[in-house]
Amino acid sequence: MIAYNSCRDRHCPKCQGAAARTWLAERKAELLPVDYFHLVFTLPKPIADIAYQNERVIYDLLFKASAEATITIAADKKHLGVRIGITSVIHSWGSAMTHHSHKLPSRRHKQA
């Protein structure tokens, strides 16, 4: 499809819609035929502020605590009563694109 005056934004349905649908279909074909759930664990602001300066320690604790809680609840017969698998991802920026932890090391390096 030819898109005149294209903005080329990856979120634009006119400019990138076909590519996004193709990518999504390819990812969907890779999934196992099981139910998937999306859970979000959010740090309270005071702890998020600490994570800004100590990301490795805080995010390691967050991954361990969230995995342990999720596995424990899923195994409980009152809930699912099953053994589950988990994929965890750090999503450390908000809609205003603040606190993007993946760029912290370069910022620290420039300040040194």
PDB file of N, CA and C in Angstrom:
ATOM      1  N   MET A   1       0.823  -1.177   0.000  1.00  0.00           N
ATOM      2  CA  MET A   1       0.000   0.000   0.000  1.00  0.00           C
ATOM      3  C   MET A   1       0.870   1.244   0.000  1.00  0.00           C
ATOM      4  N   ILE A   2       0.562   2.202  -0.820  1.00  0.00           N
ATOM      5  CA  ILE A   2       1.269   3.468  -0.849  1.00  0.00           C
ATOM      6  C   ILE A   2       0.559   4.425   0.097  1.00  0.00           C
ATOM      7  N   ALA A   3       1.323   5.061   0.993  1.00  0.00           N
ATOM      8  CA  ALA A   3       0.749   6.008   1.946  1.00  0.00           C
ATOM      9  C   ALA A   3       1.423   7.354   1.741  1.00  0.00           C
ATOM     10  N   TYR A   4       0.752   8.253   1.063  1.00  0.00           N
ATOM     11  CA  TYR A   4       1.304   9.577   0.823  1.00  0.00           C
ATOM     12  C   TYR A   4       1.291  10.378   2.117  1.00  0.00           C
ATOM     13  N   ASN A   5       2.259  11.261   2.290  1.00  0.00           N
ATOM     14  CA  ASN A   5       2.391  12.079   3.493  1.00  0.00           C
ATOM     15  C   ASN A   5       2.425  11.200   4.751  1.00  0.00           C
ATOM     16  N   SER A   6       3.156  10.119   4.652  1.00  0.00           N
ATOM     17  CA  SER A   6       3.232   9.163   5.754  1.00  0.00           C
ATOM     18  C   SER A   6       3.963   9.766   6.946  1.00  0.00           C
ATOM     19  N   CYS A   7       3.420   9.512   8.130  1.00  0.00           N
ATOM     20  CA  CYS A   7       4.094   9.971   9.357  1.00  0.00           C
ATOM     21  C   CYS A   7       5.154   8.971   9.802  1.00  0.00           C
ATOM     22  N   ARG A   8       5.060   7.737   9.346  1.00  0.00           N
ATOM     23  CA  ARG A   8       5.989   6.644   9.642  1.00  0.00           C
ATOM     24  C   ARG A   8       6.019   6.260  11.122  1.00  0.00           C
ATOM     25  N   ASP A   9       5.044   6.720  11.895  1.00  0.00           N
ATOM     26  CA  ASP A   9       4.971   6.365  13.305  1.00  0.00           C
ATOM     27  C   ASP A   9       4.559   4.904  13.422  1.00  0.00           C
ATOM     28  N   ARG A  10       5.248   4.139  14.275  1.00  0.00           N
ATOM     29  CA  ARG A  10       4.956   2.708  14.387  1.00  0.00           C
ATOM     30  C   ARG A  10       3.576   2.420  14.948  1.00  0.00           C
ATOM     31  N   HIS A  11       2.919   3.407  15.564  1.00  0.00           N
ATOM     32  CA  HIS A  11       1.583   3.215  16.112  1.00  0.00           C
ATOM     33  C   HIS A  11       0.488   3.655  15.149  1.00  0.00           C
ATOM     34  N   CYS A  12       0.839   4.284  14.059  1.00  0.00           N
ATOM     35  CA  CYS A  12      -0.143   4.825  13.126  1.00  0.00           C
ATOM     36  C   CYS A  12      -0.785   3.693  12.313  1.00  0.00           C
ATOM     37  N   PRO A  13      -2.124   3.544  12.386  1.00  0.00           N
ATOM     38  CA  PRO A  13      -2.770   2.457  11.646  1.00  0.00           C
ATOM     39  C   PRO A  13      -2.651   2.630  10.130  1.00  0.00           C
ATOM     40  N   LYS A  14      -2.528   3.848   9.654  1.00  0.00           N
ATOM     41  CA  LYS A  14      -2.394   4.080   8.214  1.00  0.00           C
ATOM     42  C   LYS A  14      -0.988   3.701   7.749  1.00  0.00           C
ATOM     43  N   CYS A  15       0.011   4.160   8.488  1.00  0.00           N
ATOM     44  CA  CYS A  15       1.394   3.976   8.046  1.00  0.00           C
ATOM     45  C   CYS A  15       1.967   2.597   8.369  1.00  0.00           C
ATOM     46  N   GLN A  16       1.621   2.065   9.507  1.00  0.00           N
ATOM     47  CA  GLN A  16       2.245   0.818   9.952  1.00  0.00           C
ATOM     48  C   GLN A  16       1.237  -0.277  10.271  1.00  0.00           C
ATOM     49  N   GLY A  17      -0.015  -0.065   9.973  1.00  0.00           N
ATOM     50  CA  GLY A  17      -1.059  -1.032  10.319  1.00  0.00           C
ATOM     51  C   GLY A  17      -0.831  -2.413   9.737  1.00  0.00           C
ATOM     52  N   ALA A  18      -0.489  -2.481   8.449  1.00  0.00           N
ATOM     53  CA  ALA A  18      -0.283  -3.785   7.813  1.00  0.00           C
ATOM     54  C   ALA A  18       0.909  -4.512   8.423  1.00  0.00           C
ATOM     55  N   ALA A  19       1.990  -3.782   8.664  1.00  0.00           N
ATOM     56  CA  ALA A  19       3.178  -4.392   9.268  1.00  0.00           C
ATOM     57  C   ALA A  19       2.865  -4.874  10.685  1.00  0.00           C
ATOM     58  N   ALA A  20       2.095  -4.095  11.427  1.00  0.00           N
ATOM     59  CA  ALA A  20       1.725  -4.483  12.790  1.00  0.00           C
ATOM     60  C   ALA A  20       0.867  -5.746  12.784  1.00  0.00           C
ATOM     61  N   ARG A  21      -0.080  -5.827  11.857  1.00  0.00           N
ATOM     62  CA  ARG A  21      -0.940  -7.020  11.778  1.00  0.00           C
ATOM     63  C   ARG A  21      -0.125  -8.251  11.396  1.00  0.00           C
ATOM     64  N   THR A  22       0.823  -8.109  10.498  1.00  0.00           N
ATOM     65  CA  THR A  22       1.690  -9.221  10.100  1.00  0.00           C
ATOM     66  C   THR A  22       2.535  -9.679  11.280  1.00  0.00           C
ATOM     67  N   TRP A  23       3.134  -8.722  11.981  1.00  0.00           N
ATOM     68  CA  TRP A  23       3.959  -9.049  13.144  1.00  0.00           C
ATOM     69  C   TRP A  23       3.124  -9.761  14.201  1.00  0.00           C
ATOM     70  N   LEU A  24       1.924  -9.265  14.467  1.00  0.00           N
ATOM     71  CA  LEU A  24       1.057  -9.865  15.478  1.00  0.00           C
ATOM     72  C   LEU A  24       0.667 -11.294  15.096  1.00  0.00           C
ATOM     73  N   ALA A  25       0.346 -11.524  13.834  1.00  0.00           N
ATOM     74  CA  ALA A  25      -0.015 -12.874  13.381  1.00  0.00           C
ATOM     75  C   ALA A  25       1.168 -13.835  13.539  1.00  0.00           C
ATOM     76  N   GLU A  26       2.372 -13.361  13.247  1.00  0.00           N
ATOM     77  CA  GLU A  26       3.562 -14.203  13.409  1.00  0.00           C
ATOM     78  C   GLU A  26       3.803 -14.542  14.880  1.00  0.00           C
ATOM     79  N   ARG A  27       3.634 -13.565  15.776  1.00  0.00           N
ATOM     80  CA  ARG A  27       3.812 -13.827  17.212  1.00  0.00           C
ATOM     81  C   ARG A  27       2.737 -14.759  17.728  1.00  0.00           C
ATOM     82  N   LYS A  28       1.504 -14.593  17.272  1.00  0.00           N
ATOM     83  CA  LYS A  28       0.397 -15.438  17.716  1.00  0.00           C
ATOM     84  C   LYS A  28       0.639 -16.888  17.310  1.00  0.00           C
ATOM     85  N   ALA A  29       1.235 -17.105  16.137  1.00  0.00           N
ATOM     86  CA  ALA A  29       1.526 -18.462  15.666  1.00  0.00           C
ATOM     87  C   ALA A  29       2.573 -19.142  16.546  1.00  0.00           C
ATOM     88  N   GLU A  30       3.366 -18.378  17.273  1.00  0.00           N
ATOM     89  CA  GLU A  30       4.405 -18.936  18.136  1.00  0.00           C
ATOM     90  C   GLU A  30       3.879 -19.364  19.512  1.00  0.00           C
ATOM     91  N   LEU A  31       2.674 -18.960  19.861  1.00  0.00           N
ATOM     92  CA  LEU A  31       2.136 -19.233  21.194  1.00  0.00           C
ATOM     93  C   LEU A  31       1.648 -20.670  21.344  1.00  0.00           C
ATOM     94  N   LEU A  32       1.744 -21.165  22.548  1.00  0.00           N
ATOM     95  CA  LEU A  32       1.181 -22.480  22.863  1.00  0.00           C
ATOM     96  C   LEU A  32      -0.338 -22.356  22.947  1.00  0.00           C
ATOM     97  N   PRO A  33      -1.060 -23.431  22.689  1.00  0.00           N
ATOM     98  CA  PRO A  33      -2.530 -23.378  22.755  1.00  0.00           C
ATOM     99  C   PRO A  33      -3.040 -23.483  24.201  1.00  0.00           C
ATOM    100  N   VAL A  34      -2.697 -22.479  25.012  1.00  0.00           N
ATOM    101  CA  VAL A  34      -3.112 -22.429  26.416  1.00  0.00           C
ATOM    102  C   VAL A  34      -3.612 -21.020  26.722  1.00  0.00           C
ATOM    103  N   ASP A  35      -4.277 -20.881  27.877  1.00  0.00           N
ATOM    104  CA  ASP A  35      -4.717 -19.554  28.291  1.00  0.00           C
ATOM    105  C   ASP A  35      -3.527 -18.734  28.782  1.00  0.00           C
ATOM    106  N   TYR A  36      -3.534 -17.458  28.462  1.00  0.00           N
ATOM    107  CA  TYR A  36      -2.509 -16.524  28.906  1.00  0.00           C
ATOM    108  C   TYR A  36      -3.167 -15.424  29.714  1.00  0.00           C
ATOM    109  N   PHE A  37      -2.461 -14.941  30.727  1.00  0.00           N
ATOM    110  CA  PHE A  37      -2.954 -13.854  31.550  1.00  0.00           C
ATOM    111  C   PHE A  37      -1.877 -12.788  31.654  1.00  0.00           C
ATOM    112  N   HIS A  38      -2.279 -11.552  31.633  1.00  0.00           N
ATOM    113  CA  HIS A  38      -1.364 -10.427  31.755  1.00  0.00           C
ATOM    114  C   HIS A  38      -1.557  -9.826  33.147  1.00  0.00           C
ATOM    115  N   LEU A  39      -0.527  -9.888  33.956  1.00  0.00           N
ATOM    116  CA  LEU A  39      -0.570  -9.307  35.301  1.00  0.00           C
ATOM    117  C   LEU A  39       0.407  -8.149  35.365  1.00  0.00           C
ATOM    118  N   VAL A  40       0.054  -7.119  36.099  1.00  0.00           N
ATOM    119  CA  VAL A  40       0.922  -5.954  36.259  1.00  0.00           C
ATOM    120  C   VAL A  40       1.211  -5.764  37.741  1.00  0.00           C
ATOM    121  N   PHE A  41       2.479  -5.686  38.081  1.00  0.00           N
ATOM    122  CA  PHE A  41       2.917  -5.396  39.435  1.00  0.00           C
ATOM    123  C   PHE A  41       3.564  -4.019  39.407  1.00  0.00           C
ATOM    124  N   THR A  42       3.015  -3.091  40.162  1.00  0.00           N
ATOM    125  CA  THR A  42       3.474  -1.707  40.152  1.00  0.00           C
ATOM    126  C   THR A  42       4.152  -1.374  41.466  1.00  0.00           C
ATOM    127  N   LEU A  43       5.274  -0.690  41.375  1.00  0.00           N
ATOM    128  CA  LEU A  43       5.966  -0.234  42.577  1.00  0.00           C
ATOM    129  C   LEU A  43       5.346   1.076  43.062  1.00  0.00           C
ATOM    130  N   PRO A  44       5.131   1.222  44.369  1.00  0.00           N
ATOM    131  CA  PRO A  44       4.682   2.517  44.888  1.00  0.00           C
ATOM    132  C   PRO A  44       5.753   3.579  44.613  1.00  0.00           C
ATOM    133  N   LYS A  45       5.344   4.827  44.463  1.00  0.00           N
ATOM    134  CA  LYS A  45       6.269   5.891  44.087  1.00  0.00           C
ATOM    135  C   LYS A  45       7.517   5.958  44.962  1.00  0.00           C
ATOM    136  N   PRO A  46       7.409   5.872  46.297  1.00  0.00           N
ATOM    137  CA  PRO A  46       8.646   5.942  47.097  1.00  0.00           C
ATOM    138  C   PRO A  46       9.643   4.831  46.743  1.00  0.00           C
ATOM    139  N   ILE A  47       9.140   3.640  46.468  1.00  0.00           N
ATOM    140  CA  ILE A  47      10.039   2.538  46.091  1.00  0.00           C
ATOM    141  C   ILE A  47      10.527   2.726  44.657  1.00  0.00           C
ATOM    142  N   ALA A  48       9.676   3.236  43.777  1.00  0.00           N
ATOM    143  CA  ALA A  48      10.095   3.514  42.402  1.00  0.00           C
ATOM    144  C   ALA A  48      11.228   4.537  42.396  1.00  0.00           C
ATOM    145  N   ASP A  49      11.164   5.517  43.293  1.00  0.00           N
ATOM    146  CA  ASP A  49      12.244   6.508  43.395  1.00  0.00           C
ATOM    147  C   ASP A  49      13.549   5.845  43.819  1.00  0.00           C
ATOM    148  N   ILE A  50      13.456   4.879  44.744  1.00  0.00           N
ATOM    149  CA  ILE A  50      14.650   4.131  45.167  1.00  0.00           C
ATOM    150  C   ILE A  50      15.165   3.286  43.997  1.00  0.00           C
ATOM    151  N   ALA A  51      14.251   2.690  43.232  1.00  0.00           N
ATOM    152  CA  ALA A  51      14.639   1.858  42.091  1.00  0.00           C
ATOM    153  C   ALA A  51      15.385   2.667  41.040  1.00  0.00           C
ATOM    154  N   TYR A  52      15.068   3.946  40.954  1.00  0.00           N
ATOM    155  CA  TYR A  52      15.738   4.813  39.974  1.00  0.00           C
ATOM    156  C   TYR A  52      17.248   4.813  40.194  1.00  0.00           C
ATOM    157  N   GLN A  53      17.662   4.727  41.459  1.00  0.00           N
ATOM    158  CA  GLN A  53      19.090   4.737  41.777  1.00  0.00           C
ATOM    159  C   GLN A  53      19.656   3.343  42.052  1.00  0.00           C
ATOM    160  N   ASN A  54      18.784   2.359  42.284  1.00  0.00           N
ATOM    161  CA  ASN A  54      19.223   1.000  42.644  1.00  0.00           C
ATOM    162  C   ASN A  54      18.456  -0.037  41.831  1.00  0.00           C
ATOM    163  N   GLU A  55      18.405   0.165  40.525  1.00  0.00           N
ATOM    164  CA  GLU A  55      17.511  -0.654  39.700  1.00  0.00           C
ATOM    165  C   GLU A  55      17.812  -2.138  39.764  1.00  0.00           C
ATOM    166  N   ARG A  56      19.041  -2.536  39.771  1.00  0.00           N
ATOM    167  CA  ARG A  56      19.359  -3.964  39.760  1.00  0.00           C
ATOM    168  C   ARG A  56      18.826  -4.657  41.009  1.00  0.00           C
ATOM    169  N   VAL A  57      19.017  -4.065  42.160  1.00  0.00           N
ATOM    170  CA  VAL A  57      18.562  -4.650  43.426  1.00  0.00           C
ATOM    171  C   VAL A  57      17.037  -4.655  43.507  1.00  0.00           C
ATOM    172  N   ILE A  58      16.426  -3.511  43.256  1.00  0.00           N
ATOM    173  CA  ILE A  58      14.970  -3.385  43.414  1.00  0.00           C
ATOM    174  C   ILE A  58      14.233  -4.237  42.388  1.00  0.00           C
ATOM    175  N   TYR A  59      14.648  -4.211  41.132  1.00  0.00           N
ATOM    176  CA  TYR A  59      13.940  -4.992  40.117  1.00  0.00           C
ATOM    177  C   TYR A  59      14.155  -6.497  40.317  1.00  0.00           C
ATOM    178  N   ASP A  60      15.308  -6.892  40.833  1.00  0.00           N
ATOM    179  CA  ASP A  60      15.518  -8.298  41.164  1.00  0.00           C
ATOM    180  C   ASP A  60      14.533  -8.729  42.252  1.00  0.00           C
ATOM    181  N   LEU A  61      14.370  -7.880  43.274  1.00  0.00           N
ATOM    182  CA  LEU A  61      13.391  -8.176  44.332  1.00  0.00           C
ATOM    183  C   LEU A  61      11.968  -8.218  43.772  1.00  0.00           C
ATOM    184  N   LEU A  62      11.640  -7.286  42.884  1.00  0.00           N
ATOM    185  CA  LEU A  62      10.298  -7.255  42.289  1.00  0.00           C
ATOM    186  C   LEU A  62      10.035  -8.529  41.484  1.00  0.00           C
ATOM    187  N   PHE A  63      11.002  -8.950  40.669  1.00  0.00           N
ATOM    188  CA  PHE A  63      10.826 -10.178  39.888  1.00  0.00           C
ATOM    189  C   PHE A  63      10.621 -11.385  40.802  1.00  0.00           C
ATOM    190  N   LYS A  64      11.452 -11.505  41.832  1.00  0.00           N
ATOM    191  CA  LYS A  64      11.337 -12.648  42.738  1.00  0.00           C
ATOM    192  C   LYS A  64      10.015 -12.636  43.497  1.00  0.00           C
ATOM    193  N   ALA A  65       9.634 -11.486  44.051  1.00  0.00           N
ATOM    194  CA  ALA A  65       8.400 -11.396  44.840  1.00  0.00           C
ATOM    195  C   ALA A  65       7.164 -11.619  43.970  1.00  0.00           C
ATOM    196  N   SER A  66       7.137 -11.031  42.781  1.00  0.00           N
ATOM    197  CA  SER A  66       5.965 -11.191  41.905  1.00  0.00           C
ATOM    198  C   SER A  66       5.845 -12.628  41.406  1.00  0.00           C
ATOM    199  N   ALA A  67       6.966 -13.265  41.075  1.00  0.00           N
ATOM    200  CA  ALA A  67       6.931 -14.658  40.628  1.00  0.00           C
ATOM    201  C   ALA A  67       6.471 -15.573  41.760  1.00  0.00           C
ATOM    202  N   GLU A  68       7.026 -15.368  42.954  1.00  0.00           N
ATOM    203  CA  GLU A  68       6.646 -16.209  44.091  1.00  0.00           C
ATOM    204  C   GLU A  68       5.159 -16.057  44.418  1.00  0.00           C
ATOM    205  N   ALA A  69       4.661 -14.825  44.421  1.00  0.00           N
ATOM    206  CA  ALA A  69       3.249 -14.589  44.722  1.00  0.00           C
ATOM    207  C   ALA A  69       2.350 -15.227  43.668  1.00  0.00           C
ATOM    208  N   THR A  70       2.693 -15.059  42.411  1.00  0.00           N
ATOM    209  CA  THR A  70       1.873 -15.596  41.326  1.00  0.00           C
ATOM    210  C   THR A  70       1.866 -17.119  41.328  1.00  0.00           C
ATOM    211  N   ILE A  71       3.026 -17.726  41.492  1.00  0.00           N
ATOM    212  CA  ILE A  71       3.128 -19.194  41.526  1.00  0.00           C
ATOM    213  C   ILE A  71       2.370 -19.762  42.724  1.00  0.00           C
ATOM    214  N   THR A  72       2.498 -19.101  43.870  1.00  0.00           N
ATOM    215  CA  THR A  72       1.812 -19.558  45.089  1.00  0.00           C
ATOM    216  C   THR A  72       0.296 -19.488  44.935  1.00  0.00           C
ATOM    217  N   ILE A  73      -0.201 -18.375  44.434  1.00  0.00           N
ATOM    218  CA  ILE A  73      -1.651 -18.217  44.261  1.00  0.00           C
ATOM    219  C   ILE A  73      -2.181 -19.198  43.215  1.00  0.00           C
ATOM    220  N   ALA A  74      -1.476 -19.362  42.106  1.00  0.00           N
ATOM    221  CA  ALA A  74      -1.931 -20.288  41.058  1.00  0.00           C
ATOM    222  C   ALA A  74      -1.955 -21.733  41.556  1.00  0.00           C
ATOM    223  N   ALA A  75      -1.011 -22.097  42.425  1.00  0.00           N
ATOM    224  CA  ALA A  75      -0.937 -23.471  42.938  1.00  0.00           C
ATOM    225  C   ALA A  75      -2.024 -23.766  43.972  1.00  0.00           C
ATOM    226  N   ASP A  76      -2.546 -22.735  44.598  1.00  0.00           N
ATOM    227  CA  ASP A  76      -3.569 -22.902  45.631  1.00  0.00           C
ATOM    228  C   ASP A  76      -4.847 -23.462  45.003  1.00  0.00           C
ATOM    229  N   LYS A  77      -5.347 -24.550  45.564  1.00  0.00           N
ATOM    230  CA  LYS A  77      -6.553 -25.199  45.021  1.00  0.00           C
ATOM    231  C   LYS A  77      -7.783 -24.295  45.088  1.00  0.00           C
ATOM    232  N   LYS A  78      -7.772 -23.281  45.942  1.00  0.00           N
ATOM    233  CA  LYS A  78      -8.876 -22.315  45.991  1.00  0.00           C
ATOM    234  C   LYS A  78      -8.895 -21.433  44.737  1.00  0.00           C
ATOM    235  N   HIS A  79      -7.789 -21.349  44.055  1.00  0.00           N
ATOM    236  CA  HIS A  79      -7.681 -20.512  42.855  1.00  0.00           C
ATOM    237  C   HIS A  79      -7.639 -21.412  41.623  1.00  0.00           C
ATOM    238  N   LEU A  80      -6.451 -21.663  41.093  1.00  0.00           N
ATOM    239  CA  LEU A  80      -6.343 -22.519  39.902  1.00  0.00           C
ATOM    240  C   LEU A  80      -5.929 -23.946  40.243  1.00  0.00           C
ATOM    241  N   GLY A  81      -5.096 -24.103  41.254  1.00  0.00           N
ATOM    242  CA  GLY A  81      -4.599 -25.426  41.616  1.00  0.00           C
ATOM    243  C   GLY A  81      -3.688 -26.018  40.561  1.00  0.00           C
ATOM    244  N   VAL A  82      -2.877 -25.178  39.926  1.00  0.00           N
ATOM    245  CA  VAL A  82      -2.001 -25.645  38.846  1.00  0.00           C
ATOM    246  C   VAL A  82      -0.587 -25.105  39.019  1.00  0.00           C
ATOM    247  N   ARG A  83       0.328 -25.729  38.308  1.00  0.00           N
ATOM    248  CA  ARG A  83       1.708 -25.257  38.229  1.00  0.00           C
ATOM    249  C   ARG A  83       1.816 -24.421  36.963  1.00  0.00           C
ATOM    250  N   ILE A  84       2.303 -23.190  37.085  1.00  0.00           N
ATOM    251  CA  ILE A  84       2.325 -22.272  35.945  1.00  0.00           C
ATOM    252  C   ILE A  84       3.746 -21.896  35.542  1.00  0.00           C
ATOM    253  N   GLY A  85       3.857 -21.337  34.375  1.00  0.00           N
ATOM    254  CA  GLY A  85       5.097 -20.742  33.893  1.00  0.00           C
ATOM    255  C   GLY A  85       4.915 -19.238  33.822  1.00  0.00           C
ATOM    256  N   ILE A  86       6.024 -18.507  33.909  1.00  0.00           N
ATOM    257  CA  ILE A  86       5.961 -17.044  33.934  1.00  0.00           C
ATOM    258  C   ILE A  86       7.026 -16.464  33.013  1.00  0.00           C
ATOM    259  N   THR A  87       6.646 -15.428  32.293  1.00  0.00           N
ATOM    260  CA  THR A  87       7.594 -14.577  31.583  1.00  0.00           C
ATOM    261  C   THR A  87       7.436 -13.188  32.175  1.00  0.00           C
ATOM    262  N   SER A  88       8.519 -12.620  32.689  1.00  0.00           N
ATOM    263  CA  SER A  88       8.457 -11.292  33.307  1.00  0.00           C
ATOM    264  C   SER A  88       9.238 -10.292  32.468  1.00  0.00           C
ATOM    265  N   VAL A  89       8.699  -9.094  32.393  1.00  0.00           N
ATOM    266  CA  VAL A  89       9.313  -8.022  31.606  1.00  0.00           C
ATOM    267  C   VAL A  89       9.263  -6.738  32.422  1.00  0.00           C
ATOM    268  N   ILE A  90      10.350  -5.990  32.422  1.00  0.00           N
ATOM    269  CA  ILE A  90      10.344  -4.683  33.082  1.00  0.00           C
ATOM    270  C   ILE A  90       9.757  -3.664  32.110  1.00  0.00           C
ATOM    271  N   HIS A  91       8.724  -3.014  32.545  1.00  0.00           N
ATOM    272  CA  HIS A  91       8.119  -1.913  31.776  1.00  0.00           C
ATOM    273  C   HIS A  91       8.227  -0.707  32.692  1.00  0.00           C
ATOM    274  N   SER A  92       9.345  -0.014  32.617  1.00  0.00           N
ATOM    275  CA  SER A  92       9.676   0.974  33.642  1.00  0.00           C
ATOM    276  C   SER A  92       9.491   2.413  33.188  1.00  0.00           C
ATOM    277  N   TRP A  93       8.560   2.633  32.272  1.00  0.00           N
ATOM    278  CA  TRP A  93       8.259   4.012  31.891  1.00  0.00           C
ATOM    279  C   TRP A  93       6.756   4.173  31.808  1.00  0.00           C
ATOM    280  N   GLY A  94       6.305   5.365  32.110  1.00  0.00           N
ATOM    281  CA  GLY A  94       4.874   5.638  32.087  1.00  0.00           C
ATOM    282  C   GLY A  94       4.445   6.245  30.765  1.00  0.00           C
ATOM    283  N   SER A  95       3.189   6.617  30.681  1.00  0.00           N
ATOM    284  CA  SER A  95       2.665   7.197  29.437  1.00  0.00           C
ATOM    285  C   SER A  95       3.340   8.514  29.112  1.00  0.00           C
ATOM    286  N   ALA A  96       3.897   9.193  30.122  1.00  0.00           N
ATOM    287  CA  ALA A  96       4.623  10.445  29.884  1.00  0.00           C
ATOM    288  C   ALA A  96       6.092  10.178  29.538  1.00  0.00           C
ATOM    289  N   MET A  97       6.422   8.891  29.395  1.00  0.00           N
ATOM    290  CA  MET A  97       7.789   8.461  29.067  1.00  0.00           C
ATOM    291  C   MET A  97       8.805   8.939  30.115  1.00  0.00           C
ATOM    292  N   THR A  98       8.439   8.883  31.375  1.00  0.00           N
ATOM    293  CA  THR A  98       9.349   9.233  32.451  1.00  0.00           C
ATOM    294  C   THR A  98       9.942   7.970  33.058  1.00  0.00           C
ATOM    295  N   HIS A  99      11.111   8.105  33.649  1.00  0.00           N
ATOM    296  CA  HIS A  99      11.854   7.025  34.300  1.00  0.00           C
ATOM    297  C   HIS A  99      12.013   5.811  33.393  1.00  0.00           C
ATOM    298  N   HIS A 100      12.832   5.977  32.398  1.00  0.00           N
ATOM    299  CA  HIS A 100      13.136   4.894  31.466  1.00  0.00           C
ATOM    300  C   HIS A 100      14.440   4.263  31.915  1.00  0.00           C
ATOM    301  N   SER A 101      14.337   3.266  32.782  1.00  0.00           N
ATOM    302  CA  SER A 101      15.515   2.714  33.466  1.00  0.00           C
ATOM    303  C   SER A 101      16.567   2.163  32.519  1.00  0.00           C
ATOM    304  N   HIS A 102      16.200   1.767  31.324  1.00  0.00           N
ATOM    305  CA  HIS A 102      17.174   1.186  30.408  1.00  0.00           C
ATOM    306  C   HIS A 102      18.193   2.216  29.943  1.00  0.00           C
ATOM    307  N   LYS A 103      17.892   3.491  30.128  1.00  0.00           N
ATOM    308  CA  LYS A 103      18.830   4.545  29.746  1.00  0.00           C
ATOM    309  C   LYS A 103      19.641   5.050  30.934  1.00  0.00           C
ATOM    310  N   LEU A 104      19.355   4.556  32.138  1.00  0.00           N
ATOM    311  CA  LEU A 104      20.055   5.045  33.318  1.00  0.00           C
ATOM    312  C   LEU A 104      21.567   4.849  33.268  1.00  0.00           C
ATOM    313  N   PRO A 105      22.079   3.690  32.880  1.00  0.00           N
ATOM    314  CA  PRO A 105      23.535   3.534  32.905  1.00  0.00           C
ATOM    315  C   PRO A 105      24.255   4.591  32.080  1.00  0.00           C
ATOM    316  N   SER A 106      23.716   4.948  30.911  1.00  0.00           N
ATOM    317  CA  SER A 106      24.400   5.952  30.098  1.00  0.00           C
ATOM    318  C   SER A 106      24.327   7.327  30.758  1.00  0.00           C
ATOM    319  N   ARG A 107      23.191   7.637  31.439  1.00  0.00           N
ATOM    320  CA  ARG A 107      23.086   8.921  32.135  1.00  0.00           C
ATOM    321  C   ARG A 107      24.093   8.978  33.284  1.00  0.00           C
ATOM    322  N   ARG A 108      24.190   7.875  34.020  1.00  0.00           N
ATOM    323  CA  ARG A 108      25.148   7.851  35.141  1.00  0.00           C
ATOM    324  C   ARG A 108      26.569   8.023  34.616  1.00  0.00           C
ATOM    325  N   HIS A 109      26.843   7.380  33.499  1.00  0.00           N
ATOM    326  CA  HIS A 109      28.187   7.442  32.931  1.00  0.00           C
ATOM    327  C   HIS A 109      28.528   8.878  32.526  1.00  0.00           C
ATOM    328  N   LYS A 110      27.571   9.591  31.943  1.00  0.00           N
ATOM    329  CA  LYS A 110      27.813  10.957  31.506  1.00  0.00           C
ATOM    330  C   LYS A 110      28.022  11.884  32.693  1.00  0.00           C
ATOM    331  N   GLN A 111      27.381  11.586  33.838  1.00  0.00           N
ATOM    332  CA  GLN A 111      27.513  12.435  35.005  1.00  0.00           C
ATOM    333  C   GLN A 111      28.845  12.230  35.707  1.00  0.00           C
ATOM    334  N   ALA A 112      29.464  11.077  35.535  1.00  0.00           N
ATOM    335  CA  ALA A 112      30.702  10.769  36.242  1.00  0.00           C
ATOM    336  C   ALA A 112      31.874  11.614  35.757  1.00  0.00           C
TER     337      ALA A 112
END
